[in-house]
């Protein structure tokens, strides 16, 4: 396996408070972006900025930073992150992330699975998945739910010797 799955005790032990913080952050997102899906505006914000100054999400950011630094072997890297706030009919169909690495964090994943072409992940509270980018996947709803499914997606861009990187329209990238 070339991906890793971690379990965040921070999320497991503080899930209800984190859901409350996410709901407040989602309201702020809607004030800035209107009725736009928080997933579709991923290039315009970073979830960890949107959720500031939440101490819980600062701790989650630090935990994620450790995971990224352990998994990604490059010295220089940037991360974008966004909120997936979806009802059953809104979960993501087959799609891809054209970044070096991709991952997601399960805050309230409901009874769902993330299915890749060659494997699948049973989404559970506290799961943090990280793996190679450029890998098609979809979300499967195994049981109907009536409150939003909450996950935080993230992508990672790395610098390799010889790369020439310039700023682009990705306002969401932050250094790790």
N, C-alpha and C. Protein backbone atom coordinates (compact mmCIF):
# COMPACT_ATOMS: atom_id res chain seq x y z
N UNK A 1 0.85 -1.19 0.00
CA UNK A 1 0.00 0.00 0.00
C UNK A 1 0.89 1.24 0.00
N UNK A 2 0.55 2.18 -0.84
CA UNK A 2 1.32 3.41 -0.91
C UNK A 2 0.57 4.59 -0.29
N UNK A 3 -0.46 4.30 0.46
CA UNK A 3 -1.19 5.33 1.20
C UNK A 3 -1.11 4.99 2.68
N UNK A 4 -1.49 5.94 3.53
CA UNK A 4 -1.52 5.68 4.97
C UNK A 4 -2.84 6.17 5.53
N UNK A 5 -3.30 5.49 6.55
CA UNK A 5 -4.52 5.86 7.25
C UNK A 5 -4.17 6.02 8.72
N UNK A 6 -4.44 7.19 9.25
CA UNK A 6 -4.16 7.52 10.65
C UNK A 6 -5.49 7.67 11.38
N UNK A 7 -5.44 7.59 12.70
CA UNK A 7 -6.61 7.84 13.54
C UNK A 7 -6.28 8.98 14.48
N UNK A 8 -7.06 10.04 14.41
CA UNK A 8 -6.87 11.22 15.26
C UNK A 8 -7.70 11.10 16.52
N UNK A 9 -7.04 10.94 17.65
CA UNK A 9 -7.75 10.92 18.92
C UNK A 9 -8.34 12.29 19.23
N UNK A 10 -7.71 13.34 18.74
CA UNK A 10 -8.24 14.69 18.93
C UNK A 10 -9.66 14.78 18.37
N UNK A 11 -9.86 14.24 17.18
CA UNK A 11 -11.19 14.27 16.57
C UNK A 11 -12.14 13.35 17.32
N UNK A 12 -11.72 12.14 17.61
CA UNK A 12 -12.56 11.17 18.30
C UNK A 12 -13.07 11.75 19.62
N UNK A 13 -12.20 12.40 20.37
CA UNK A 13 -12.54 12.91 21.70
C UNK A 13 -13.27 14.25 21.67
N UNK A 14 -13.23 14.96 20.55
CA UNK A 14 -13.81 16.31 20.48
C UNK A 14 -14.75 16.49 19.30
N UNK A 15 -15.31 15.40 18.81
CA UNK A 15 -16.08 15.47 17.57
C UNK A 15 -17.24 16.46 17.65
N UNK A 16 -18.04 16.43 18.70
CA UNK A 16 -19.21 17.31 18.76
C UNK A 16 -18.82 18.78 18.74
N UNK A 17 -17.77 19.13 19.49
CA UNK A 17 -17.30 20.52 19.49
C UNK A 17 -16.75 20.90 18.11
N UNK A 18 -16.07 19.97 17.45
CA UNK A 18 -15.54 20.24 16.12
C UNK A 18 -16.68 20.43 15.11
N UNK A 19 -17.74 19.65 15.23
CA UNK A 19 -18.89 19.83 14.35
C UNK A 19 -19.47 21.22 14.55
N UNK A 20 -19.58 21.66 15.78
CA UNK A 20 -20.09 23.00 16.07
C UNK A 20 -19.19 24.07 15.42
N UNK A 21 -17.88 23.92 15.55
CA UNK A 21 -16.95 24.88 14.94
C UNK A 21 -17.07 24.87 13.42
N UNK A 22 -17.24 23.68 12.84
CA UNK A 22 -17.39 23.58 11.38
C UNK A 22 -18.68 24.28 10.95
N UNK A 23 -19.77 24.07 11.67
CA UNK A 23 -21.02 24.73 11.30
C UNK A 23 -20.88 26.25 11.33
N UNK A 24 -20.16 26.76 12.33
CA UNK A 24 -19.91 28.20 12.39
C UNK A 24 -19.02 28.64 11.24
N UNK A 25 -18.00 27.85 10.92
CA UNK A 25 -17.11 28.17 9.80
C UNK A 25 -17.86 28.14 8.48
N UNK A 26 -18.78 27.21 8.33
CA UNK A 26 -19.57 27.11 7.11
C UNK A 26 -20.43 28.37 6.92
N UNK A 27 -20.98 28.90 8.00
CA UNK A 27 -21.75 30.15 7.93
C UNK A 27 -20.86 31.28 7.43
N UNK A 28 -19.63 31.36 7.95
CA UNK A 28 -18.68 32.39 7.49
C UNK A 28 -18.38 32.19 6.01
N UNK A 29 -18.16 30.94 5.61
CA UNK A 29 -17.91 30.64 4.19
C UNK A 29 -19.06 31.16 3.33
N UNK A 30 -20.29 30.90 3.76
CA UNK A 30 -21.45 31.32 2.98
C UNK A 30 -21.55 32.85 2.92
N UNK A 31 -21.16 33.53 3.99
CA UNK A 31 -21.16 35.00 3.97
C UNK A 31 -20.17 35.54 2.95
N UNK A 32 -19.02 34.91 2.82
CA UNK A 32 -18.00 35.35 1.87
C UNK A 32 -18.31 34.95 0.43
N UNK A 33 -18.79 33.72 0.25
CA UNK A 33 -18.91 33.15 -1.09
C UNK A 33 -20.35 32.98 -1.56
N UNK A 34 -21.32 33.40 -0.77
CA UNK A 34 -22.71 33.21 -1.16
C UNK A 34 -23.12 31.77 -1.02
N UNK A 35 -24.00 31.33 -1.87
CA UNK A 35 -24.53 29.97 -1.79
C UNK A 35 -23.63 28.95 -2.48
N UNK A 36 -22.37 29.26 -2.65
CA UNK A 36 -21.47 28.34 -3.33
C UNK A 36 -21.08 27.19 -2.42
N UNK A 37 -20.94 26.04 -3.00
CA UNK A 37 -20.50 24.83 -2.32
C UNK A 37 -19.09 25.06 -1.78
N UNK A 38 -18.87 24.74 -0.51
CA UNK A 38 -17.55 24.96 0.10
C UNK A 38 -16.48 24.08 -0.53
N UNK A 39 -16.88 23.01 -1.23
CA UNK A 39 -15.92 22.18 -1.95
C UNK A 39 -15.49 22.88 -3.24
N UNK A 40 -16.43 23.45 -3.94
CA UNK A 40 -16.15 24.05 -5.25
C UNK A 40 -15.30 25.32 -5.16
N UNK A 41 -15.25 25.94 -4.01
CA UNK A 41 -14.47 27.17 -3.83
C UNK A 41 -13.09 26.89 -3.22
N UNK A 42 -12.64 25.64 -3.32
CA UNK A 42 -11.40 25.21 -2.67
C UNK A 42 -10.19 26.07 -3.01
N UNK A 43 -10.13 26.65 -4.18
CA UNK A 43 -8.96 27.44 -4.59
C UNK A 43 -8.94 28.83 -3.97
N UNK A 44 -10.03 29.20 -3.31
CA UNK A 44 -10.17 30.57 -2.82
C UNK A 44 -10.01 30.72 -1.31
N UNK A 45 -9.87 29.60 -0.59
CA UNK A 45 -9.70 29.70 0.86
C UNK A 45 -8.99 28.44 1.35
N UNK A 46 -8.48 28.51 2.56
CA UNK A 46 -7.92 27.35 3.23
C UNK A 46 -8.76 27.10 4.47
N UNK A 47 -9.22 25.87 4.66
CA UNK A 47 -10.11 25.60 5.79
C UNK A 47 -9.51 26.02 7.12
N UNK A 48 -8.21 25.84 7.30
CA UNK A 48 -7.61 26.15 8.59
C UNK A 48 -7.55 27.65 8.85
N UNK A 49 -7.62 28.46 7.81
CA UNK A 49 -7.79 29.90 7.98
C UNK A 49 -9.26 30.22 8.26
N UNK A 50 -10.15 29.55 7.53
CA UNK A 50 -11.59 29.76 7.72
C UNK A 50 -12.02 29.44 9.14
N UNK A 51 -11.44 28.42 9.74
CA UNK A 51 -11.84 27.99 11.08
C UNK A 51 -11.10 28.73 12.20
N UNK A 52 -10.22 29.65 11.85
CA UNK A 52 -9.48 30.41 12.86
C UNK A 52 -10.42 31.35 13.60
N UNK A 53 -10.17 31.55 14.88
CA UNK A 53 -9.08 31.07 15.72
C UNK A 53 -9.46 29.88 16.59
N UNK A 54 -10.04 28.86 16.03
CA UNK A 54 -10.41 27.68 16.79
C UNK A 54 -9.16 26.94 17.28
N UNK A 55 -9.05 26.79 18.58
CA UNK A 55 -7.92 26.07 19.16
C UNK A 55 -7.93 24.60 18.73
N UNK A 56 -9.12 24.00 18.66
CA UNK A 56 -9.21 22.60 18.24
C UNK A 56 -8.67 22.41 16.82
N UNK A 57 -9.05 23.30 15.92
CA UNK A 57 -8.58 23.14 14.54
C UNK A 57 -7.13 23.57 14.38
N UNK A 58 -6.63 24.41 15.28
CA UNK A 58 -5.20 24.68 15.28
C UNK A 58 -4.44 23.40 15.68
N UNK A 59 -4.95 22.70 16.68
CA UNK A 59 -4.32 21.44 17.09
C UNK A 59 -4.41 20.40 15.98
N UNK A 60 -5.54 20.36 15.28
CA UNK A 60 -5.68 19.42 14.16
C UNK A 60 -4.71 19.79 13.04
N UNK A 61 -4.54 21.07 12.77
CA UNK A 61 -3.58 21.51 11.76
C UNK A 61 -2.18 21.04 12.12
N UNK A 62 -1.79 21.19 13.38
CA UNK A 62 -0.45 20.75 13.82
C UNK A 62 -0.30 19.24 13.69
N UNK A 63 -1.36 18.49 14.00
CA UNK A 63 -1.33 17.03 13.84
C UNK A 63 -1.19 16.68 12.36
N UNK A 64 -1.97 17.35 11.51
CA UNK A 64 -1.89 17.09 10.08
C UNK A 64 -0.52 17.44 9.52
N UNK A 65 0.04 18.52 10.00
CA UNK A 65 1.38 18.92 9.55
C UNK A 65 2.42 17.83 9.87
N UNK A 66 2.32 17.22 11.04
CA UNK A 66 3.22 16.11 11.40
C UNK A 66 3.03 14.93 10.46
N UNK A 67 1.77 14.60 10.16
CA UNK A 67 1.47 13.49 9.25
C UNK A 67 2.05 13.77 7.87
N UNK A 68 1.83 14.97 7.38
CA UNK A 68 2.34 15.34 6.05
C UNK A 68 3.86 15.26 6.03
N UNK A 69 4.50 15.81 7.05
CA UNK A 69 5.96 15.79 7.09
C UNK A 69 6.52 14.37 7.21
N UNK A 70 5.79 13.47 7.86
CA UNK A 70 6.22 12.07 7.95
C UNK A 70 6.04 11.36 6.60
N UNK A 71 4.93 11.62 5.93
CA UNK A 71 4.58 10.89 4.70
C UNK A 71 5.24 11.45 3.44
N UNK A 72 5.35 12.76 3.37
CA UNK A 72 5.85 13.41 2.15
C UNK A 72 7.35 13.67 2.32
N UNK A 73 8.19 13.08 1.46
CA UNK A 73 9.64 13.12 1.67
C UNK A 73 10.34 14.39 1.19
N UNK A 74 9.61 15.41 0.82
CA UNK A 74 10.23 16.62 0.29
C UNK A 74 10.30 17.70 1.36
N UNK A 75 11.35 18.52 1.28
CA UNK A 75 11.55 19.56 2.28
C UNK A 75 10.53 20.68 2.13
N UNK A 76 10.28 21.12 0.91
CA UNK A 76 9.39 22.26 0.68
C UNK A 76 8.06 21.76 0.14
N UNK A 77 6.99 22.14 0.83
CA UNK A 77 5.66 21.71 0.43
C UNK A 77 4.62 22.74 0.86
N UNK A 78 3.51 22.73 0.11
CA UNK A 78 2.40 23.63 0.38
C UNK A 78 1.13 22.80 0.40
N UNK A 79 0.15 23.25 1.19
CA UNK A 79 -1.10 22.50 1.33
C UNK A 79 -2.28 23.43 1.14
N UNK A 80 -3.27 22.93 0.42
CA UNK A 80 -4.58 23.59 0.39
C UNK A 80 -5.55 22.66 1.09
N UNK A 81 -6.56 23.22 1.72
CA UNK A 81 -7.57 22.40 2.40
C UNK A 81 -8.92 23.09 2.29
N UNK A 82 -9.96 22.29 2.26
CA UNK A 82 -11.31 22.81 2.09
C UNK A 82 -12.29 21.92 2.84
N UNK A 83 -13.47 22.46 3.06
CA UNK A 83 -14.52 21.75 3.77
C UNK A 83 -15.46 21.08 2.77
N UNK A 84 -15.68 19.77 2.95
CA UNK A 84 -16.74 19.05 2.25
C UNK A 84 -17.93 18.98 3.20
N UNK A 85 -19.00 19.68 2.87
CA UNK A 85 -20.20 19.81 3.71
C UNK A 85 -21.36 19.32 2.85
N UNK A 86 -21.60 18.00 2.88
CA UNK A 86 -22.48 17.39 1.88
C UNK A 86 -23.61 16.56 2.49
N UNK A 87 -24.78 16.70 1.88
CA UNK A 87 -25.90 15.80 2.12
C UNK A 87 -25.76 14.62 1.16
N UNK A 88 -26.52 13.53 1.35
CA UNK A 88 -26.32 12.33 0.54
C UNK A 88 -26.32 12.56 -0.97
N UNK A 89 -27.16 13.45 -1.47
CA UNK A 89 -27.23 13.69 -2.91
C UNK A 89 -26.11 14.61 -3.41
N UNK A 90 -25.24 15.08 -2.50
CA UNK A 90 -24.18 16.01 -2.88
C UNK A 90 -22.78 15.41 -2.80
N UNK A 91 -22.67 14.17 -2.32
CA UNK A 91 -21.33 13.60 -2.18
C UNK A 91 -20.63 13.56 -3.53
N UNK A 92 -19.32 13.55 -3.49
CA UNK A 92 -18.53 13.67 -4.72
C UNK A 92 -18.54 12.38 -5.54
N UNK A 93 -18.85 12.55 -6.80
CA UNK A 93 -18.80 11.43 -7.75
C UNK A 93 -17.34 11.26 -8.19
N UNK A 94 -17.09 10.37 -9.14
CA UNK A 94 -15.73 10.10 -9.58
C UNK A 94 -15.03 11.41 -9.96
N UNK A 95 -13.86 11.61 -9.37
CA UNK A 95 -13.07 12.81 -9.65
C UNK A 95 -11.61 12.53 -9.30
N UNK A 96 -10.77 13.48 -9.57
CA UNK A 96 -9.33 13.33 -9.40
C UNK A 96 -8.76 14.61 -8.82
N UNK A 97 -7.59 14.52 -8.24
CA UNK A 97 -6.86 15.68 -7.73
C UNK A 97 -5.50 15.66 -8.41
N UNK A 98 -5.22 16.66 -9.20
CA UNK A 98 -3.98 16.68 -9.98
C UNK A 98 -2.86 17.36 -9.21
N UNK A 99 -2.61 16.85 -8.02
CA UNK A 99 -1.58 17.36 -7.13
C UNK A 99 -0.66 16.20 -6.78
N UNK A 100 0.48 16.53 -6.19
CA UNK A 100 1.44 15.48 -5.83
C UNK A 100 0.86 14.48 -4.83
N UNK A 101 0.12 14.99 -3.85
CA UNK A 101 -0.48 14.16 -2.80
C UNK A 101 -1.88 14.67 -2.50
N UNK A 102 -2.71 13.77 -1.99
CA UNK A 102 -4.08 14.12 -1.64
C UNK A 102 -4.45 13.39 -0.35
N UNK A 103 -5.36 13.99 0.40
CA UNK A 103 -5.86 13.33 1.60
C UNK A 103 -7.17 13.93 2.06
N UNK A 104 -7.72 13.33 3.10
CA UNK A 104 -8.94 13.87 3.69
C UNK A 104 -9.03 13.46 5.15
N UNK A 105 -9.79 14.25 5.89
CA UNK A 105 -9.95 14.08 7.34
C UNK A 105 -11.43 13.88 7.63
N UNK A 106 -11.76 12.81 8.36
CA UNK A 106 -13.15 12.50 8.67
C UNK A 106 -13.54 13.09 10.03
N UNK A 107 -14.39 14.09 9.99
CA UNK A 107 -14.93 14.67 11.22
C UNK A 107 -16.27 14.01 11.54
N UNK A 108 -17.18 14.02 10.58
CA UNK A 108 -18.48 13.35 10.70
C UNK A 108 -18.80 12.72 9.34
N UNK A 109 -18.14 11.59 9.03
CA UNK A 109 -18.22 11.02 7.68
C UNK A 109 -19.49 10.23 7.39
N UNK A 110 -20.35 10.07 8.40
CA UNK A 110 -21.55 9.25 8.27
C UNK A 110 -21.14 7.83 7.88
N UNK A 111 -22.08 7.05 7.39
CA UNK A 111 -21.79 5.68 6.98
C UNK A 111 -21.47 5.71 5.48
N UNK A 112 -20.20 6.04 5.17
CA UNK A 112 -19.77 6.19 3.78
C UNK A 112 -18.44 5.49 3.57
N UNK A 113 -18.12 5.31 2.29
CA UNK A 113 -16.82 4.76 1.90
C UNK A 113 -16.25 5.67 0.81
N UNK A 114 -14.94 5.78 0.80
CA UNK A 114 -14.26 6.42 -0.32
C UNK A 114 -13.65 5.30 -1.15
N UNK A 115 -14.08 5.23 -2.39
CA UNK A 115 -13.66 4.13 -3.27
C UNK A 115 -12.69 4.66 -4.31
N UNK A 116 -11.50 4.06 -4.34
CA UNK A 116 -10.50 4.34 -5.35
C UNK A 116 -10.57 3.20 -6.37
N UNK A 117 -9.85 3.30 -7.45
CA UNK A 117 -9.91 2.27 -8.50
C UNK A 117 -9.49 0.89 -7.97
N UNK A 118 -8.48 0.83 -7.07
CA UNK A 118 -7.95 -0.46 -6.63
C UNK A 118 -8.15 -0.76 -5.15
N UNK A 119 -8.79 0.12 -4.43
CA UNK A 119 -9.03 -0.10 -3.00
C UNK A 119 -10.10 0.85 -2.51
N UNK A 120 -10.58 0.62 -1.29
CA UNK A 120 -11.56 1.53 -0.71
C UNK A 120 -11.26 1.71 0.77
N UNK A 121 -11.73 2.83 1.31
CA UNK A 121 -11.56 3.17 2.71
C UNK A 121 -12.94 3.30 3.34
N UNK A 122 -13.19 2.58 4.42
CA UNK A 122 -14.40 2.76 5.21
C UNK A 122 -14.17 4.01 6.05
N UNK A 123 -14.97 5.03 5.81
CA UNK A 123 -14.78 6.31 6.51
C UNK A 123 -15.29 6.21 7.93
N UNK A 124 -14.43 6.58 8.87
CA UNK A 124 -14.76 6.54 10.29
C UNK A 124 -14.31 7.84 10.95
N UNK A 125 -14.98 8.19 12.01
CA UNK A 125 -14.64 9.40 12.76
C UNK A 125 -13.17 9.35 13.15
N UNK A 126 -12.44 10.41 12.83
CA UNK A 126 -11.03 10.53 13.20
C UNK A 126 -10.06 10.02 12.16
N UNK A 127 -10.54 9.38 11.10
CA UNK A 127 -9.63 8.91 10.06
C UNK A 127 -8.97 10.08 9.34
N UNK A 128 -7.68 9.94 9.11
CA UNK A 128 -6.94 10.87 8.25
C UNK A 128 -6.25 10.02 7.21
N UNK A 129 -6.68 10.17 5.97
CA UNK A 129 -6.11 9.44 4.84
C UNK A 129 -5.13 10.34 4.11
N UNK A 130 -3.98 9.80 3.70
CA UNK A 130 -3.04 10.52 2.85
C UNK A 130 -2.45 9.52 1.85
N UNK A 131 -2.36 9.96 0.61
CA UNK A 131 -1.83 9.09 -0.43
C UNK A 131 -1.39 9.89 -1.63
N UNK A 132 -0.95 9.19 -2.67
CA UNK A 132 -0.54 9.88 -3.89
C UNK A 132 -1.72 10.63 -4.50
N UNK A 133 -1.42 11.73 -5.17
CA UNK A 133 -2.45 12.44 -5.91
C UNK A 133 -2.72 11.73 -7.23
N UNK A 134 -3.49 12.39 -8.06
CA UNK A 134 -3.79 11.87 -9.40
C UNK A 134 -4.39 10.47 -9.34
N UNK A 135 -5.30 10.27 -8.40
CA UNK A 135 -5.92 8.97 -8.20
C UNK A 135 -7.44 9.15 -8.14
N UNK A 136 -8.15 8.63 -9.14
CA UNK A 136 -9.60 8.80 -9.17
C UNK A 136 -10.27 8.12 -7.98
N UNK A 137 -11.31 8.79 -7.47
CA UNK A 137 -12.06 8.23 -6.35
C UNK A 137 -13.47 8.83 -6.31
N UNK A 138 -14.33 8.18 -5.55
CA UNK A 138 -15.70 8.62 -5.37
C UNK A 138 -16.13 8.30 -3.95
N UNK A 139 -17.22 8.93 -3.50
CA UNK A 139 -17.78 8.64 -2.18
C UNK A 139 -19.07 7.86 -2.38
N UNK A 140 -19.21 6.77 -1.64
CA UNK A 140 -20.39 5.92 -1.67
C UNK A 140 -21.14 6.07 -0.34
N UNK A 141 -22.42 6.38 -0.42
CA UNK A 141 -23.27 6.48 0.77
C UNK A 141 -23.85 5.10 1.04
N UNK A 142 -23.52 4.53 2.20
CA UNK A 142 -24.00 3.20 2.56
C UNK A 142 -25.29 3.25 3.36
N UNK A 143 -25.58 4.41 3.94
CA UNK A 143 -26.81 4.57 4.72
C UNK A 143 -27.21 6.04 4.66
N UNK A 144 -28.48 6.30 4.41
CA UNK A 144 -28.99 7.67 4.31
C UNK A 144 -28.73 8.43 5.62
N UNK A 145 -28.51 9.73 5.52
CA UNK A 145 -28.35 10.59 6.68
C UNK A 145 -29.02 11.93 6.40
N UNK A 146 -29.35 12.66 7.48
CA UNK A 146 -30.09 13.91 7.27
C UNK A 146 -29.39 15.14 7.83
N UNK A 147 -28.15 15.00 8.24
CA UNK A 147 -27.33 16.16 8.60
C UNK A 147 -26.07 16.08 7.76
N UNK A 148 -25.35 17.19 7.56
CA UNK A 148 -24.23 17.17 6.61
C UNK A 148 -23.12 16.19 6.98
N UNK A 149 -22.60 15.56 5.95
CA UNK A 149 -21.39 14.74 6.06
C UNK A 149 -20.23 15.73 6.06
N UNK A 150 -19.34 15.65 7.05
CA UNK A 150 -18.27 16.64 7.22
C UNK A 150 -16.90 15.99 7.10
N UNK A 151 -16.19 16.37 6.06
CA UNK A 151 -14.80 15.97 5.91
C UNK A 151 -14.01 17.19 5.46
N UNK A 152 -12.72 17.14 5.68
CA UNK A 152 -11.82 18.20 5.21
C UNK A 152 -10.87 17.56 4.21
N UNK A 153 -10.93 18.03 2.98
CA UNK A 153 -10.02 17.53 1.96
C UNK A 153 -8.74 18.35 1.96
N UNK A 154 -7.65 17.76 1.49
CA UNK A 154 -6.41 18.53 1.34
C UNK A 154 -5.57 17.97 0.21
N UNK A 155 -4.83 18.85 -0.43
CA UNK A 155 -3.88 18.52 -1.48
C UNK A 155 -2.53 19.11 -1.12
N UNK A 156 -1.47 18.48 -1.62
CA UNK A 156 -0.12 18.94 -1.31
C UNK A 156 0.68 19.09 -2.60
N UNK A 157 1.31 20.24 -2.73
CA UNK A 157 2.25 20.54 -3.82
C UNK A 157 3.65 20.51 -3.23
N UNK A 158 4.60 19.86 -3.91
CA UNK A 158 5.97 19.82 -3.41
C UNK A 158 6.91 20.53 -4.37
N UNK A 159 8.08 20.88 -3.85
CA UNK A 159 9.15 21.43 -4.67
C UNK A 159 10.21 20.35 -4.83
N UNK A 160 10.53 20.05 -6.08
CA UNK A 160 11.62 19.12 -6.40
C UNK A 160 12.76 19.93 -7.00
N UNK A 161 13.99 19.52 -6.74
CA UNK A 161 15.14 20.23 -7.31
C UNK A 161 14.93 20.45 -8.81
N UNK A 162 15.13 21.68 -9.23
CA UNK A 162 14.98 22.01 -10.63
C UNK A 162 13.61 22.57 -10.99
N UNK A 163 12.62 22.40 -10.10
CA UNK A 163 11.30 22.95 -10.37
C UNK A 163 11.36 24.47 -10.41
N UNK A 164 10.56 25.05 -11.23
CA UNK A 164 10.35 26.49 -11.23
C UNK A 164 8.89 26.70 -10.91
N UNK A 165 8.62 27.18 -9.71
CA UNK A 165 7.25 27.37 -9.25
C UNK A 165 6.93 28.85 -9.18
N UNK A 166 5.78 29.22 -9.69
CA UNK A 166 5.32 30.60 -9.63
C UNK A 166 3.96 30.64 -8.96
N UNK A 167 3.64 31.75 -8.32
CA UNK A 167 2.29 31.89 -7.77
C UNK A 167 1.26 31.76 -8.90
N UNK A 168 0.14 31.15 -8.57
CA UNK A 168 -0.95 31.08 -9.53
C UNK A 168 -2.24 31.52 -8.84
N UNK A 169 -3.36 31.10 -9.32
CA UNK A 169 -4.64 31.56 -8.78
C UNK A 169 -5.10 30.75 -7.58
N UNK A 170 -4.21 29.99 -6.98
CA UNK A 170 -4.56 29.18 -5.82
C UNK A 170 -4.35 29.98 -4.54
N UNK A 171 -5.35 30.69 -4.10
CA UNK A 171 -5.23 31.48 -2.88
C UNK A 171 -5.24 30.61 -1.64
N UNK A 172 -5.46 29.31 -1.82
CA UNK A 172 -5.63 28.40 -0.70
C UNK A 172 -4.33 27.74 -0.23
N UNK A 173 -3.27 27.80 -1.01
CA UNK A 173 -2.03 27.11 -0.65
C UNK A 173 -1.30 27.83 0.48
N UNK A 174 -0.89 27.06 1.48
CA UNK A 174 -0.09 27.60 2.58
C UNK A 174 1.14 26.71 2.76
N UNK A 175 2.25 27.26 3.22
CA UNK A 175 3.46 26.43 3.41
C UNK A 175 3.28 25.48 4.58
N UNK A 176 3.89 24.31 4.43
CA UNK A 176 3.93 23.32 5.52
C UNK A 176 5.37 23.17 5.96
